Amino acid sequence: MLIVIWDFIEDAVIRVLEGHSDVIEDISFSPNNNATIASASRDRTIRLWKNWLYPETTECSTLLGHEARVTCCVYSPLNDGRLLSASADRTIRVWD
C-alpha cells in the first residue's frame, strides 16, 4: 500500500512511500519533528518514515507486536519520541 504526500498549493505529488502489505488505517506526523511519519496498517505493523520531505526518504523501522490490524497511531504531544498505537487485538501499546 502507498502513502501519497500531496502539495495542494502546487497540485503535485511530493512523495510516495511504499511498504505496508495491507490497507493503511492511520498516519501521524511527529509534532516536533515534521520530517517523521508513523503509519498504522491492517498488516499488524507500524512503520516509521524519516525525512519524508526529501528525496532520500527512508523507512527507518517497523514496529511489531500487535496481533491484529493496527487501527490508530499518535505521537505524544509532550514526548516526541513516544508513539501510542491501538489495535483490533484490544491492546494499546506505548513505543519509546
N, C-alpha and C. Protein backbone atom coordinates (compact mmCIF):
# COMPACT_ATOMS: atom_id res chain seq x y z
N MET A 1 0.83 -1.18 0.00
CA MET A 1 0.00 0.00 0.00
C MET A 1 0.88 1.25 0.00
N LEU A 2 0.32 2.32 -0.45
CA LEU A 2 1.08 3.56 -0.63
C LEU A 2 0.60 4.67 0.30
N ILE A 3 1.53 5.51 0.68
CA ILE A 3 1.22 6.79 1.29
C ILE A 3 1.63 7.83 0.26
N VAL A 4 0.68 8.63 -0.17
CA VAL A 4 0.97 9.66 -1.16
C VAL A 4 0.89 11.01 -0.45
N ILE A 5 1.99 11.75 -0.47
CA ILE A 5 2.04 13.07 0.16
C ILE A 5 1.88 14.09 -0.94
N TRP A 6 0.86 14.93 -0.78
CA TRP A 6 0.42 15.82 -1.85
C TRP A 6 0.61 17.27 -1.43
N ASP A 7 1.08 18.09 -2.35
CA ASP A 7 1.16 19.53 -2.16
C ASP A 7 -0.07 20.14 -2.82
N PHE A 8 -1.03 20.58 -2.00
CA PHE A 8 -2.27 21.10 -2.56
C PHE A 8 -2.09 22.45 -3.23
N ILE A 9 -1.13 23.23 -2.78
CA ILE A 9 -0.88 24.53 -3.39
C ILE A 9 -0.32 24.36 -4.80
N GLU A 10 0.66 23.48 -4.94
CA GLU A 10 1.28 23.24 -6.25
C GLU A 10 0.51 22.20 -7.07
N ASP A 11 -0.47 21.54 -6.43
CA ASP A 11 -1.24 20.48 -7.09
C ASP A 11 -0.31 19.41 -7.66
N ALA A 12 0.57 18.91 -6.78
CA ALA A 12 1.55 17.93 -7.23
C ALA A 12 1.89 16.95 -6.11
N VAL A 13 2.27 15.76 -6.50
CA VAL A 13 2.73 14.75 -5.54
C VAL A 13 4.13 15.11 -5.08
N ILE A 14 4.33 15.15 -3.76
CA ILE A 14 5.66 15.43 -3.20
C ILE A 14 6.45 14.13 -3.07
N ARG A 15 5.79 13.11 -2.52
CA ARG A 15 6.49 11.87 -2.23
C ARG A 15 5.49 10.72 -2.19
N VAL A 16 5.94 9.54 -2.58
CA VAL A 16 5.16 8.31 -2.46
C VAL A 16 5.97 7.35 -1.60
N LEU A 17 5.35 6.88 -0.52
CA LEU A 17 6.02 5.96 0.40
C LEU A 17 5.34 4.59 0.27
N GLU A 18 6.13 3.56 0.10
CA GLU A 18 5.59 2.22 -0.10
C GLU A 18 6.24 1.25 0.87
N GLY A 19 5.42 0.40 1.50
CA GLY A 19 5.98 -0.57 2.43
C GLY A 19 4.96 -1.49 3.07
N HIS A 20 3.79 -0.97 3.41
CA HIS A 20 2.77 -1.81 4.04
C HIS A 20 2.21 -2.81 3.03
N SER A 21 1.82 -3.97 3.53
CA SER A 21 1.26 -5.01 2.66
C SER A 21 -0.26 -5.05 2.69
N ASP A 22 -0.88 -4.15 3.48
CA ASP A 22 -2.34 -4.10 3.55
C ASP A 22 -2.76 -2.64 3.76
N VAL A 23 -4.04 -2.42 3.88
CA VAL A 23 -4.60 -1.07 3.99
C VAL A 23 -3.98 -0.30 5.15
N ILE A 24 -3.70 0.97 4.92
CA ILE A 24 -3.18 1.85 5.97
C ILE A 24 -4.37 2.49 6.67
N GLU A 25 -4.44 2.30 7.99
CA GLU A 25 -5.57 2.78 8.78
C GLU A 25 -5.38 4.21 9.29
N ASP A 26 -4.12 4.60 9.58
CA ASP A 26 -3.89 5.90 10.22
C ASP A 26 -2.46 6.36 9.94
N ILE A 27 -2.28 7.67 9.97
CA ILE A 27 -0.96 8.28 9.82
C ILE A 27 -0.84 9.36 10.87
N SER A 28 0.35 9.47 11.47
CA SER A 28 0.60 10.52 12.46
C SER A 28 1.93 11.20 12.14
N PHE A 29 1.90 12.53 12.13
CA PHE A 29 3.12 13.31 11.93
C PHE A 29 3.70 13.65 13.29
N SER A 30 4.99 13.49 13.43
CA SER A 30 5.66 13.85 14.68
C SER A 30 5.47 15.34 14.94
N PRO A 31 4.99 15.72 16.14
CA PRO A 31 4.67 17.13 16.39
C PRO A 31 5.88 18.06 16.42
N ASN A 32 7.02 17.58 16.83
CA ASN A 32 8.19 18.44 16.94
C ASN A 32 9.21 18.19 15.85
N ASN A 33 9.01 17.15 15.09
CA ASN A 33 9.94 16.79 14.02
C ASN A 33 9.10 16.41 12.81
N ASN A 34 8.65 17.40 12.08
CA ASN A 34 7.71 17.15 10.99
C ASN A 34 8.26 16.28 9.88
N ALA A 35 9.52 15.92 9.96
CA ALA A 35 10.09 15.06 8.92
C ALA A 35 9.91 13.58 9.24
N THR A 36 9.19 13.24 10.32
CA THR A 36 8.96 11.85 10.68
C THR A 36 7.46 11.55 10.67
N ILE A 37 7.10 10.44 10.05
CA ILE A 37 5.71 10.00 9.96
C ILE A 37 5.62 8.58 10.51
N ALA A 38 4.54 8.28 11.23
CA ALA A 38 4.22 6.91 11.63
C ALA A 38 2.96 6.50 10.88
N SER A 39 2.93 5.27 10.38
CA SER A 39 1.74 4.78 9.69
C SER A 39 1.32 3.45 10.31
N ALA A 40 0.01 3.30 10.53
CA ALA A 40 -0.57 2.09 11.13
C ALA A 40 -1.37 1.35 10.06
N SER A 41 -1.26 0.02 10.06
CA SER A 41 -1.85 -0.73 8.96
C SER A 41 -2.57 -2.00 9.42
N ARG A 42 -3.43 -2.48 8.53
CA ARG A 42 -4.08 -3.76 8.75
C ARG A 42 -3.10 -4.93 8.69
N ASP A 43 -1.88 -4.67 8.21
CA ASP A 43 -0.87 -5.74 8.18
C ASP A 43 -0.24 -5.99 9.55
N ARG A 44 -0.79 -5.34 10.60
CA ARG A 44 -0.40 -5.50 12.00
C ARG A 44 0.92 -4.82 12.34
N THR A 45 1.36 -3.90 11.49
CA THR A 45 2.62 -3.19 11.74
C THR A 45 2.41 -1.69 11.80
N ILE A 46 3.39 -1.05 12.40
CA ILE A 46 3.52 0.41 12.36
C ILE A 46 4.86 0.67 11.69
N ARG A 47 4.86 1.53 10.72
CA ARG A 47 6.12 1.87 10.05
C ARG A 47 6.45 3.32 10.32
N LEU A 48 7.72 3.56 10.58
CA LEU A 48 8.21 4.91 10.82
C LEU A 48 9.00 5.35 9.59
N TRP A 49 8.69 6.53 9.12
CA TRP A 49 9.32 7.07 7.91
C TRP A 49 10.07 8.34 8.29
N LYS A 50 11.33 8.42 7.87
CA LYS A 50 12.18 9.55 8.18
C LYS A 50 12.43 10.38 6.93
N ASN A 51 12.54 11.68 7.12
CA ASN A 51 12.92 12.60 6.04
C ASN A 51 11.96 12.56 4.85
N TRP A 52 10.66 12.47 5.11
CA TRP A 52 9.70 12.37 4.02
C TRP A 52 9.68 13.62 3.14
N LEU A 53 10.24 14.71 3.63
CA LEU A 53 10.30 15.94 2.83
C LEU A 53 11.38 15.89 1.75
N TYR A 54 12.26 14.92 1.83
CA TYR A 54 13.43 14.88 0.96
C TYR A 54 13.41 13.63 0.08
N PRO A 55 14.10 13.67 -1.05
CA PRO A 55 14.11 12.51 -1.96
C PRO A 55 14.66 11.24 -1.31
N GLU A 56 15.51 11.36 -0.30
CA GLU A 56 16.10 10.17 0.32
C GLU A 56 15.24 9.63 1.46
N THR A 57 13.92 9.77 1.34
CA THR A 57 13.01 9.24 2.34
C THR A 57 13.31 7.78 2.62
N THR A 58 13.34 7.43 3.90
CA THR A 58 13.60 6.05 4.25
C THR A 58 12.61 5.57 5.30
N GLU A 59 12.30 4.29 5.24
CA GLU A 59 11.55 3.66 6.32
C GLU A 59 12.61 3.30 7.35
N CYS A 60 12.57 3.96 8.50
CA CYS A 60 13.65 3.74 9.47
C CYS A 60 13.39 2.55 10.37
N SER A 61 12.13 2.16 10.56
CA SER A 61 11.87 0.96 11.35
C SER A 61 10.43 0.50 11.20
N THR A 62 10.23 -0.76 11.51
CA THR A 62 8.90 -1.36 11.54
C THR A 62 8.66 -1.85 12.96
N LEU A 63 7.55 -1.42 13.54
CA LEU A 63 7.21 -1.82 14.91
C LEU A 63 6.25 -3.00 14.84
N LEU A 64 6.64 -4.09 15.48
CA LEU A 64 5.86 -5.32 15.51
C LEU A 64 5.39 -5.58 16.93
N GLY A 65 4.24 -6.22 17.08
CA GLY A 65 3.79 -6.58 18.41
C GLY A 65 2.28 -6.75 18.50
N HIS A 66 1.54 -6.04 17.66
CA HIS A 66 0.09 -6.21 17.66
C HIS A 66 -0.27 -7.51 16.95
N GLU A 67 -1.33 -8.16 17.42
CA GLU A 67 -1.75 -9.44 16.86
C GLU A 67 -2.91 -9.32 15.89
N ALA A 68 -3.38 -8.09 15.68
CA ALA A 68 -4.46 -7.83 14.72
C ALA A 68 -4.18 -6.46 14.09
N ARG A 69 -5.07 -6.03 13.20
CA ARG A 69 -4.82 -4.77 12.50
C ARG A 69 -4.60 -3.62 13.47
N VAL A 70 -3.70 -2.74 13.12
CA VAL A 70 -3.44 -1.55 13.94
C VAL A 70 -4.37 -0.46 13.43
N THR A 71 -5.22 0.03 14.31
CA THR A 71 -6.27 0.96 13.89
C THR A 71 -5.88 2.42 14.00
N CYS A 72 -4.95 2.74 14.90
CA CYS A 72 -4.53 4.13 15.00
C CYS A 72 -3.15 4.24 15.65
N CYS A 73 -2.52 5.37 15.37
CA CYS A 73 -1.23 5.68 15.99
C CYS A 73 -1.17 7.19 16.18
N VAL A 74 -0.52 7.61 17.25
CA VAL A 74 -0.41 9.05 17.52
C VAL A 74 0.86 9.30 18.33
N TYR A 75 1.55 10.37 17.97
CA TYR A 75 2.71 10.79 18.75
C TYR A 75 2.24 11.56 19.97
N SER A 76 2.92 11.38 21.08
CA SER A 76 2.63 12.15 22.28
C SER A 76 3.01 13.61 22.04
N PRO A 77 2.12 14.55 22.37
CA PRO A 77 2.48 15.96 22.20
C PRO A 77 3.51 16.43 23.23
N LEU A 78 3.68 15.66 24.31
CA LEU A 78 4.61 16.04 25.37
C LEU A 78 5.97 15.36 25.25
N ASN A 79 6.00 14.23 24.55
CA ASN A 79 7.24 13.47 24.39
C ASN A 79 7.32 13.00 22.95
N ASP A 80 8.06 13.73 22.13
CA ASP A 80 8.11 13.47 20.70
C ASP A 80 8.61 12.08 20.36
N GLY A 81 9.38 11.47 21.23
CA GLY A 81 9.90 10.13 20.97
C GLY A 81 8.93 9.03 21.32
N ARG A 82 7.78 9.37 21.86
CA ARG A 82 6.81 8.36 22.31
C ARG A 82 5.64 8.29 21.32
N LEU A 83 5.36 7.08 20.88
CA LEU A 83 4.26 6.83 19.96
C LEU A 83 3.30 5.87 20.63
N LEU A 84 2.01 6.11 20.50
CA LEU A 84 0.99 5.22 21.04
C LEU A 84 0.23 4.61 19.88
N SER A 85 -0.16 3.35 20.03
CA SER A 85 -0.93 2.68 18.99
C SER A 85 -2.04 1.85 19.62
N ALA A 86 -3.11 1.68 18.86
CA ALA A 86 -4.23 0.84 19.28
C ALA A 86 -4.52 -0.16 18.17
N SER A 87 -5.03 -1.32 18.59
CA SER A 87 -5.22 -2.40 17.63
C SER A 87 -6.56 -3.10 17.85
N ALA A 88 -7.00 -3.80 16.81
CA ALA A 88 -8.20 -4.62 16.91
C ALA A 88 -7.99 -5.81 17.84
N ASP A 89 -6.75 -6.04 18.28
CA ASP A 89 -6.50 -7.10 19.27
C ASP A 89 -6.84 -6.63 20.69
N ARG A 90 -7.42 -5.43 20.79
CA ARG A 90 -7.87 -4.82 22.05
C ARG A 90 -6.72 -4.44 22.97
N THR A 91 -5.60 -4.03 22.37
CA THR A 91 -4.47 -3.55 23.16
C THR A 91 -4.08 -2.15 22.70
N ILE A 92 -3.49 -1.43 23.63
CA ILE A 92 -2.86 -0.15 23.35
C ILE A 92 -1.40 -0.32 23.72
N ARG A 93 -0.53 0.10 22.83
CA ARG A 93 0.91 -0.03 23.09
C ARG A 93 1.55 1.35 23.11
N VAL A 94 2.56 1.47 23.95
CA VAL A 94 3.36 2.69 24.03
C VAL A 94 4.75 2.33 23.54
N TRP A 95 5.22 3.06 22.53
CA TRP A 95 6.53 2.80 21.93
C TRP A 95 7.44 3.97 22.26
N ASP A 96 8.59 3.68 22.87
CA ASP A 96 9.56 4.73 23.18
C ASP A 96 10.72 4.70 22.22
